[in-house]
Protein backbone atom coordinates (compact mmCIF):
# COMPACT_ATOMS: atom_id res chain seq x y z
CA MET A 1 112.08 -120.14 101.94
CA ARG A 2 114.56 -117.29 102.31
CA GLY A 3 117.93 -118.25 103.65
CA GLU A 4 118.27 -121.32 101.44
CA ILE A 5 121.46 -121.81 99.47
CA TYR A 6 120.68 -121.80 95.77
CA THR A 7 122.76 -123.23 92.93
CA THR A 8 122.90 -121.98 89.37
CA THR A 9 124.05 -123.49 86.11
CA PRO A 10 127.34 -121.97 84.89
CA LYS A 11 127.05 -119.94 81.68
CA HIS A 12 130.54 -120.79 80.47
CA SER A 13 132.96 -123.66 80.59
CA LEU A 14 135.97 -121.87 82.03
CA PRO A 15 137.63 -123.50 85.06
CA MET A 16 136.23 -122.14 88.30
CA ALA A 17 136.61 -122.55 92.05
CA LEU A 18 134.62 -125.42 93.54
CA VAL A 19 132.53 -124.84 96.65
CA ASN A 20 132.39 -127.06 99.70
CA GLU A 21 129.24 -128.90 98.69
CA ASN A 22 128.58 -130.00 102.25
CA TYR A 23 127.18 -126.49 102.81
CA LEU A 24 124.50 -127.26 100.24
CA LYS A 25 123.17 -130.02 102.51
CA LEU A 26 122.17 -127.51 105.20
CA GLN A 27 118.45 -127.27 105.68
CA SER A 28 117.04 -123.82 104.81
CA SER A 29 118.25 -121.03 107.11
CA TYR A 30 119.72 -121.12 110.59
CA LEU A 31 116.84 -121.44 113.08
CA PHE A 32 117.20 -118.05 114.73
CA SER A 33 117.62 -116.31 111.37
CA GLU A 34 114.26 -117.72 110.29
CA VAL A 35 112.65 -116.58 113.55
CA ALA A 36 114.04 -113.09 112.97
CA ARG A 37 112.78 -113.07 109.37
CA ARG A 38 109.23 -113.91 110.40
CA VAL A 39 109.27 -111.28 113.13
CA ARG A 40 110.55 -108.61 110.71
CA GLU A 41 107.78 -109.42 108.24
CA TYR A 42 105.15 -109.18 110.96
CA GLU A 43 106.58 -105.90 112.25
CA ALA A 44 106.21 -104.49 108.75
CA GLU A 45 102.46 -105.13 109.07
CA LYS A 46 102.40 -102.72 112.05
CA PRO A 47 101.15 -104.96 114.91
CA PRO A 48 98.60 -103.49 117.35
CA ARG A 49 101.04 -103.41 120.29
CA LYS A 50 104.72 -103.82 120.94
CA ILE A 51 106.30 -107.19 120.34
CA ILE A 52 107.72 -108.94 123.40
CA ARG A 53 110.75 -111.09 122.65
CA LEU A 54 111.03 -114.30 124.66
CA GLY A 55 112.69 -116.25 121.87
CA ILE A 56 116.43 -116.03 121.38
CA GLY A 57 118.55 -116.52 124.49
CA ASP A 58 120.06 -113.03 124.52
CA VAL A 59 120.43 -111.21 127.81
CA THR A 60 118.76 -107.85 128.38
CA GLU A 61 120.20 -106.54 131.65
CA PRO A 62 123.43 -104.48 131.81
CA LEU A 63 126.81 -105.90 132.76
CA PRO A 64 127.59 -106.21 136.47
CA ARG A 65 129.16 -103.01 137.81
CA ALA A 66 132.30 -104.88 138.89
CA CYS A 67 132.85 -105.98 135.28
CA VAL A 68 132.23 -102.49 133.89
CA ASP A 69 134.70 -100.94 136.34
CA ALA A 70 137.36 -103.56 135.57
CA MET A 71 136.93 -103.07 131.84
CA ALA A 72 137.14 -99.28 132.17
CA ASP A 73 140.34 -99.55 134.22
CA ALA A 74 141.81 -101.88 131.58
CA VAL A 75 140.90 -99.50 128.77
CA ARG A 76 142.71 -96.72 130.61
CA GLU A 77 145.74 -99.01 130.87
CA MET A 78 145.62 -99.43 127.11
CA GLY A 79 145.77 -95.63 126.79
CA CYS A 80 149.16 -95.33 128.52
CA ARG A 81 152.51 -96.28 127.01
CA ASP A 82 153.73 -97.90 130.23
CA THR A 83 150.70 -100.18 130.61
CA PHE A 84 149.68 -100.67 126.99
CA ARG A 85 149.40 -104.28 125.78
CA GLY A 86 149.49 -105.62 122.25
CA TYR A 87 148.79 -109.21 121.27
CA GLY A 88 147.98 -111.31 124.30
CA PRO A 89 148.42 -115.06 124.70
CA GLU A 90 146.08 -116.98 122.39
CA GLN A 91 145.11 -119.26 125.30
CA GLY A 92 144.08 -116.34 127.54
CA TYR A 93 145.84 -114.27 130.19
CA ALA A 94 147.08 -116.18 133.22
CA PHE A 95 145.09 -113.97 135.64
CA LEU A 96 141.80 -115.12 134.09
CA ARG A 97 142.75 -118.75 133.58
CA GLU A 98 143.86 -119.01 137.22
CA ALA A 99 140.64 -117.41 138.46
CA ILE A 100 138.55 -119.82 136.39
CA ALA A 101 140.50 -122.89 137.51
CA GLU A 102 140.25 -121.96 141.17
CA ASN A 103 136.64 -120.75 141.37
CA ASP A 104 134.82 -122.85 138.78
CA PHE A 105 136.67 -126.13 139.21
CA ARG A 106 139.06 -126.60 142.13
CA ALA A 107 136.51 -125.07 144.52
CA ARG A 108 134.16 -127.88 143.46
CA GLY A 109 136.76 -130.60 143.83
CA CYS A 110 137.55 -130.80 140.11
CA ASP A 111 141.17 -131.47 139.17
CA ILE A 112 141.56 -128.84 136.44
CA ALA A 113 144.76 -126.84 135.92
CA ALA A 114 144.87 -123.28 134.62
CA ASP A 115 146.82 -124.32 131.54
CA GLU A 116 144.00 -126.72 130.59
CA ILE A 117 141.69 -123.71 130.13
CA PHE A 118 141.49 -121.83 126.82
CA VAL A 119 139.78 -118.42 126.82
CA SER A 120 137.77 -117.63 123.69
CA ASP A 121 135.18 -115.28 122.23
CA GLY A 122 132.20 -117.62 122.66
CA ALA A 123 131.02 -121.12 123.47
CA LYS A 124 129.13 -121.21 120.16
CA CYS A 125 132.44 -120.72 118.35
CA ASP A 126 134.22 -123.33 120.43
CA THR A 127 131.54 -126.02 120.19
CA GLY A 128 131.43 -125.41 116.46
CA ASN A 129 135.19 -125.36 115.97
CA PHE A 130 136.21 -128.24 118.20
CA GLN A 131 135.02 -130.82 115.66
CA GLU A 132 137.94 -129.74 113.44
CA LEU A 133 140.24 -131.88 115.60
CA PHE A 134 138.59 -135.12 114.51
CA SER A 135 138.68 -137.23 111.38
CA ALA A 136 136.10 -136.57 108.68
CA GLU A 137 135.00 -140.19 109.21
CA ALA A 138 134.28 -139.69 112.94
CA ARG A 139 130.81 -140.91 113.95
CA ILE A 140 128.89 -138.17 115.74
CA ALA A 141 126.04 -138.53 118.24
CA VAL A 142 123.78 -135.62 119.16
CA PRO A 143 120.75 -135.29 121.42
CA ASP A 144 117.39 -134.51 119.86
CA PRO A 145 116.18 -131.82 120.59
CA VAL A 146 119.59 -130.28 119.96
CA TYR A 147 121.34 -126.91 119.78
CA PRO A 148 121.62 -126.56 115.96
CA VAL A 149 125.32 -125.60 115.95
CA TYR A 150 126.38 -129.14 116.94
CA VAL A 151 124.65 -130.58 113.89
CA ASP A 152 125.31 -127.88 111.31
CA THR A 153 129.06 -127.67 111.87
CA ASN A 154 129.42 -131.42 111.37
CA VAL A 155 127.32 -131.19 108.22
CA MET A 156 129.67 -128.47 106.95
CA ALA A 157 132.65 -130.71 107.74
CA GLY A 158 131.24 -133.53 105.61
CA ARG A 159 130.42 -136.05 108.34
CA THR A 160 126.83 -136.57 107.25
CA GLY A 161 124.74 -137.57 104.29
CA ASP A 162 121.78 -135.57 103.05
CA ALA A 163 118.86 -134.61 105.26
CA ALA A 164 115.59 -136.51 105.14
CA ASP A 165 112.63 -136.05 107.44
CA GLY A 166 114.53 -133.49 109.52
CA ARG A 167 117.56 -135.69 110.17
CA TYR A 168 120.92 -136.17 108.50
CA ALA A 169 122.14 -139.56 107.38
CA GLY A 170 125.23 -140.59 109.28
CA LEU A 171 124.41 -138.86 112.57
CA LEU A 172 123.29 -140.84 115.60
CA TYR A 173 120.33 -139.07 117.23
CA LEU A 174 119.72 -139.61 120.95
CA GLU A 175 116.05 -138.97 121.55
CA GLY A 176 114.88 -136.85 124.45
CA ASN A 177 111.23 -136.82 125.38
CA ALA A 178 108.86 -136.35 128.29
CA GLY A 179 109.33 -140.01 129.24
CA ASN A 180 113.06 -139.63 129.94
CA GLY A 181 112.83 -136.03 131.12
CA PHE A 182 114.69 -134.93 127.96
CA VAL A 183 117.86 -136.56 129.31
CA PRO A 184 118.75 -139.37 126.88
CA ALA A 185 120.71 -142.36 128.16
CA PRO A 186 123.92 -143.64 126.53
CA PRO A 187 123.08 -145.57 123.35
CA ALA A 188 122.94 -149.32 123.72
CA GLY A 189 124.95 -151.25 121.16
CA GLU A 190 126.26 -148.10 119.47
CA ARG A 191 129.76 -146.64 119.62
CA PRO A 192 130.01 -143.11 118.25
CA ASP A 193 133.40 -141.43 118.35
CA ILE A 194 132.06 -138.14 119.72
CA VAL A 195 128.87 -137.29 121.60
CA TYR A 196 127.56 -133.79 122.35
CA LEU A 197 125.79 -133.23 125.67
CA CYS A 198 124.34 -129.96 127.02
CA PHE A 199 123.18 -129.48 130.63
CA PRO A 200 121.35 -127.44 131.76
CA ASN A 201 119.94 -128.16 128.36
CA ASN A 202 119.32 -125.77 125.53
CA PRO A 203 116.51 -125.85 124.45
CA THR A 204 114.58 -127.96 126.98
CA GLY A 205 115.91 -126.58 130.27
CA ALA A 206 116.38 -130.13 131.56
CA THR A 207 119.22 -130.92 133.97
CA ALA A 208 121.16 -134.16 134.41
CA THR A 209 121.58 -135.76 137.81
CA ARG A 210 124.94 -136.90 139.15
CA GLU A 211 123.90 -140.50 138.51
CA GLN A 212 122.94 -139.76 134.90
CA LEU A 213 126.25 -138.02 134.19
CA ALA A 214 128.14 -140.83 135.91
CA ALA A 215 126.45 -143.31 133.56
CA TRP A 216 127.59 -141.24 130.58
CA VAL A 217 131.17 -141.06 131.84
CA LYS A 218 131.29 -144.79 132.56
CA TRP A 219 129.93 -145.55 129.09
CA ALA A 220 132.40 -143.16 127.42
CA ARG A 221 135.36 -144.74 129.22
CA GLU A 222 134.24 -148.22 128.17
CA SER A 223 133.40 -147.30 124.56
CA GLY A 224 136.30 -144.95 123.84
CA THR A 225 133.91 -142.09 123.04
CA ILE A 226 134.78 -138.46 123.73
CA ILE A 227 132.11 -136.30 125.36
CA LEU A 228 131.83 -132.65 124.27
CA PHE A 229 129.98 -131.18 127.26
CA ASP A 230 128.30 -127.81 126.82
CA ALA A 231 127.81 -126.23 130.26
CA ALA A 232 127.06 -122.69 129.09
CA TYR A 233 124.13 -122.42 131.55
CA GLU A 234 125.74 -123.94 134.64
CA ALA A 235 125.49 -120.67 136.60
CA PHE A 236 121.69 -121.07 136.64
CA ILE A 237 121.89 -124.26 138.70
CA ARG A 238 120.50 -123.70 142.17
CA ASP A 239 119.80 -127.33 143.18
CA PRO A 240 122.86 -128.46 145.21
CA ALA A 241 122.34 -132.04 143.98
CA VAL A 242 122.86 -131.07 140.32
CA PRO A 243 126.50 -131.06 139.12
CA HIS A 244 127.82 -127.80 137.67
CA SER A 245 130.61 -129.53 135.76
CA ILE A 246 131.08 -132.95 134.24
CA TYR A 247 134.47 -133.00 136.01
CA GLU A 248 132.62 -133.48 139.28
CA ILE A 249 132.24 -137.07 138.05
CA ASP A 250 135.18 -139.40 138.68
CA GLY A 251 137.02 -140.28 135.49
CA ALA A 252 135.48 -137.50 133.39
CA ARG A 253 138.75 -135.67 132.83
CA ASP A 254 139.93 -138.63 130.72
CA VAL A 255 136.97 -138.54 128.32
CA ALA A 256 135.35 -135.08 128.37
CA VAL A 257 135.93 -131.57 127.05
CA GLU A 258 133.80 -128.85 128.68
CA PHE A 259 132.59 -125.55 127.23
CA ARG A 260 131.61 -122.56 129.39
CA SER A 261 130.49 -119.01 128.66
CA PHE A 262 130.33 -115.62 130.36
CA SER A 263 127.51 -114.67 127.98
CA LYS A 264 124.62 -115.93 130.09
CA THR A 265 126.56 -115.98 133.38
CA ALA A 266 127.40 -112.28 133.41
CA GLY A 267 125.69 -110.81 130.37
CA PHE A 268 128.66 -110.93 127.99
CA THR A 269 126.64 -111.71 124.84
CA GLY A 270 127.72 -108.40 123.32
CA THR A 271 131.14 -108.40 124.98
CA ARG A 272 132.22 -111.93 123.96
CA CYS A 273 134.14 -114.11 126.38
CA ALA A 274 134.02 -117.83 127.08
CA PHE A 275 136.37 -120.70 127.73
CA THR A 276 136.92 -124.35 126.92
CA VAL A 277 138.51 -126.90 129.24
CA VAL A 278 140.66 -129.52 127.52
CA PRO A 279 142.30 -131.83 130.09
CA LYS A 280 145.69 -133.13 129.05
CA SER A 281 144.48 -136.67 129.69
CA VAL A 282 141.81 -136.64 126.94
CA ILE A 283 143.21 -138.83 124.17
CA ALA A 284 142.21 -139.57 120.58
CA ARG A 285 144.11 -141.84 118.19
CA THR A 286 145.61 -141.87 114.73
CA ARG A 287 144.62 -144.50 112.17
CA ASP A 288 147.57 -146.64 113.22
CA GLY A 289 146.55 -146.47 116.89
CA ALA A 290 148.99 -143.87 118.19
CA ALA A 291 147.65 -141.80 121.10
CA VAL A 292 147.30 -138.04 120.58
CA ALA A 293 146.35 -135.57 123.32
CA LEU A 294 143.54 -133.24 122.26
CA HIS A 295 145.02 -130.53 124.48
CA GLY A 296 147.98 -130.09 122.16
CA LEU A 297 145.82 -130.17 119.04
CA TRP A 298 143.43 -127.53 120.37
CA ASN A 299 146.37 -125.37 121.42
CA ARG A 300 147.78 -125.67 117.89
CA ARG A 301 144.41 -124.84 116.37
CA GLN A 302 143.97 -121.74 118.55
CA THR A 303 147.48 -120.42 118.00
CA THR A 304 146.98 -120.78 114.24
CA LYS A 305 143.43 -119.39 113.89
CA PHE A 306 142.82 -117.16 116.92
CA ASN A 307 144.58 -114.11 118.35
CA GLY A 308 142.90 -114.14 121.73
CA VAL A 309 140.18 -112.19 123.52
CA SER A 310 140.94 -108.51 124.14
CA TYR A 311 142.68 -107.54 127.38
CA PRO A 312 139.86 -105.25 128.68
CA VAL A 313 137.27 -108.01 128.13
CA GLN A 314 139.40 -110.56 129.99
CA ARG A 315 139.82 -108.12 132.89
CA ALA A 316 136.03 -107.73 132.95
CA ALA A 317 135.60 -111.53 132.97
CA ALA A 318 138.08 -111.91 135.84
CA ALA A 319 136.01 -109.41 137.84
CA VAL A 320 133.18 -111.95 137.88
CA TYR A 321 135.22 -113.88 140.47
CA THR A 322 135.68 -110.96 142.88
CA LYS A 323 133.41 -110.68 145.91
CA ALA A 324 131.40 -107.86 144.32
CA GLY A 325 131.36 -109.64 140.96
CA ARG A 326 130.02 -112.86 142.43
CA GLU A 327 127.25 -111.01 144.29
CA GLN A 328 126.24 -108.91 141.29
CA THR A 329 126.34 -111.84 138.89
CA ARG A 330 124.24 -114.00 141.19
CA ALA A 331 121.67 -111.21 141.50
CA LEU A 332 121.55 -110.94 137.70
CA ILE A 333 120.92 -114.67 137.29
CA ASP A 334 118.42 -114.74 140.14
CA GLY A 335 116.39 -112.15 138.24
CA TYR A 336 116.29 -114.28 135.10
CA LEU A 337 115.42 -117.37 137.17
CA ALA A 338 112.53 -115.48 138.74
CA ASN A 339 111.30 -114.72 135.22
CA ALA A 340 111.59 -118.39 134.28
CA LYS A 341 109.65 -119.41 137.37
CA ALA A 342 106.89 -116.93 136.51
CA ILE A 343 106.68 -118.18 132.91
CA ARG A 344 106.48 -121.81 133.96
CA ALA A 345 103.89 -121.05 136.67
CA LYS A 346 101.68 -119.22 134.18
CA LEU A 347 101.92 -121.88 131.49
CA THR A 348 101.28 -124.66 134.00
CA SER A 349 98.22 -122.83 135.34
CA LEU A 350 96.88 -122.77 131.78
CA GLY A 351 97.22 -126.55 131.57
CA TYR A 352 100.43 -126.87 129.55
CA GLU A 353 103.11 -129.46 130.28
CA CYS A 354 106.49 -127.83 130.85
CA THR A 355 110.13 -128.73 131.43
CA GLY A 356 112.82 -126.33 132.68
CA GLY A 357 112.22 -123.01 134.36
CA ASP A 358 114.25 -124.02 137.41
CA ASN A 359 118.04 -124.34 137.21
CA SER A 360 117.61 -122.98 133.68
CA PRO A 361 116.52 -119.79 131.89
CA TYR A 362 114.39 -121.77 129.43
CA VAL A 363 110.87 -123.16 129.69
CA TRP A 364 110.02 -125.93 127.21
CA MET A 365 106.26 -126.13 126.64
CA LYS A 366 104.21 -128.81 124.90
CA ALA A 367 102.14 -126.70 122.54
CA GLY A 368 99.45 -129.13 121.41
CA GLU A 369 99.94 -128.11 117.77
CA PRO A 370 102.85 -127.99 115.28
CA SER A 371 105.70 -125.83 116.56
CA TRP A 372 105.72 -123.22 113.80
CA ASP A 373 101.93 -122.90 114.03
CA ALA A 374 102.24 -122.22 117.76
CA PHE A 375 105.02 -119.72 117.07
CA ASP A 376 102.90 -117.86 114.51
CA THR A 377 99.84 -117.88 116.78
CA LEU A 378 101.74 -116.37 119.70
CA LEU A 379 103.39 -113.81 117.44
CA ARG A 380 100.25 -112.68 115.61
CA GLU A 381 97.66 -112.98 118.38
CA LYS A 382 99.70 -112.16 121.48
CA GLN A 383 102.67 -110.32 119.94
CA ILE A 384 105.05 -112.66 121.81
CA VAL A 385 108.15 -114.12 120.15
CA THR A 386 109.16 -117.64 121.18
CA THR A 387 111.32 -120.31 119.50
CA PRO A 388 109.64 -123.25 117.72
CA GLY A 389 110.80 -126.61 119.05
CA ALA A 390 110.87 -128.15 115.58
CA GLY A 391 113.91 -126.02 114.86
CA PHE A 392 115.86 -128.07 117.40
CA GLY A 393 115.12 -131.44 115.83
CA ARG A 394 112.41 -133.99 115.17
CA CYS A 395 111.78 -134.58 118.87
CA GLY A 396 111.14 -130.86 119.32
CA GLU A 397 108.09 -130.88 117.06
CA GLY A 398 104.99 -129.87 119.00
CA TYR A 399 106.98 -127.83 121.54
CA ILE A 400 108.03 -124.21 121.86
CA ARG A 401 110.76 -122.64 123.96
CA PHE A 402 110.24 -119.57 126.12
CA SER A 403 113.34 -117.60 127.13
CA ALA A 404 113.47 -115.81 130.49
CA PHE A 405 115.97 -113.23 129.27
CA ASN A 406 114.02 -110.01 129.70
CA SER A 407 113.00 -107.57 132.41
CA PRO A 408 110.53 -108.72 135.11
CA GLU A 409 108.06 -106.07 133.94
CA THR A 410 108.18 -107.27 130.34
CA VAL A 411 107.79 -110.91 131.34
CA ALA A 412 104.82 -110.00 133.55
CA GLU A 413 103.19 -108.19 130.61
CA ALA A 414 103.75 -111.19 128.35
CA MET A 415 102.20 -113.55 130.89
CA ALA A 416 99.21 -111.21 131.28
CA ARG A 417 98.63 -111.42 127.53
CA LEU A 418 98.35 -115.21 127.82
């Protein structure tokens, strides 16, 4: 399969640089690269009608006008000597960090300070990079189905054995299924050092209740585990009973790091802006038992490896929190949620079992056949691109994921083809 990493036998005996052999453990290509490869090959066959893409979670609608205007104003500032800015703070400008702390956290009763927020160029980067703060021997737990970045970055870091049957030795997999609503419970009798959670979930669209998150926080406090909580899709939550942040749960700021993104919230996938919350009270330990705050370590990592998000982009992100920005962003998300509702309604009417589609831009459908077979059938017979569930882990086999990121007209056409 294309995308695999191949090794060759050296033709000479001269000393040479050694590779990080953990990369050689990675299974074939990255999921979305393989999806793209199959679509390109089918396009080369000249399909009978246009291909509709409901696979990758990339937005399609333009940025909110408030964000565009703020970015344009900031670019003009950069064109004047008196208002020009060079390197900004690696942690993010204070105007954006304060807006995030006030609107996303304090307004919901979460005790998060502006200096506990680190602005970045993407939640994918942050969730992948945060594992650098932990020992190579750290035991990692991941849900299954799972966003592949959580797994692959820990494979690259050397925390796993080889893969067998779709799983890596050394990882603890927390199984999600229709029986538990794709919300796994804390593992009984197991104590991983780090656990990744994602709600609203990618890929299943499932959400966790306040009681379920409280159980996770209680378990983490008792077991000494740190929760890495991916909340990239929190803006899609419309049910007032569903928490937007893990910090809405008492005690979470002592055991959890939270990742957020403007990519899906305000269409910043091509503009790049996100943030990670690292409370100063989240503690890990050295081998001799000394307490170390992750806040300081992450700050050191960012100041060493990152020069910050550009000033115009941060001004655009701050505009999300203005009155106009909030209204325009909500309208954008409401449009995608309407698409998700239409997808789920159509699939349900055809007799398929589905999760997600409300409080989430993803609909997770039980296909009734192997995932890649279902993917190929939809691509070749309906000219619709989805994402095969098997690419998200063993528990995703037999499912496919529909993304609601497209125009209402395109989604309606796709549903008509079904």
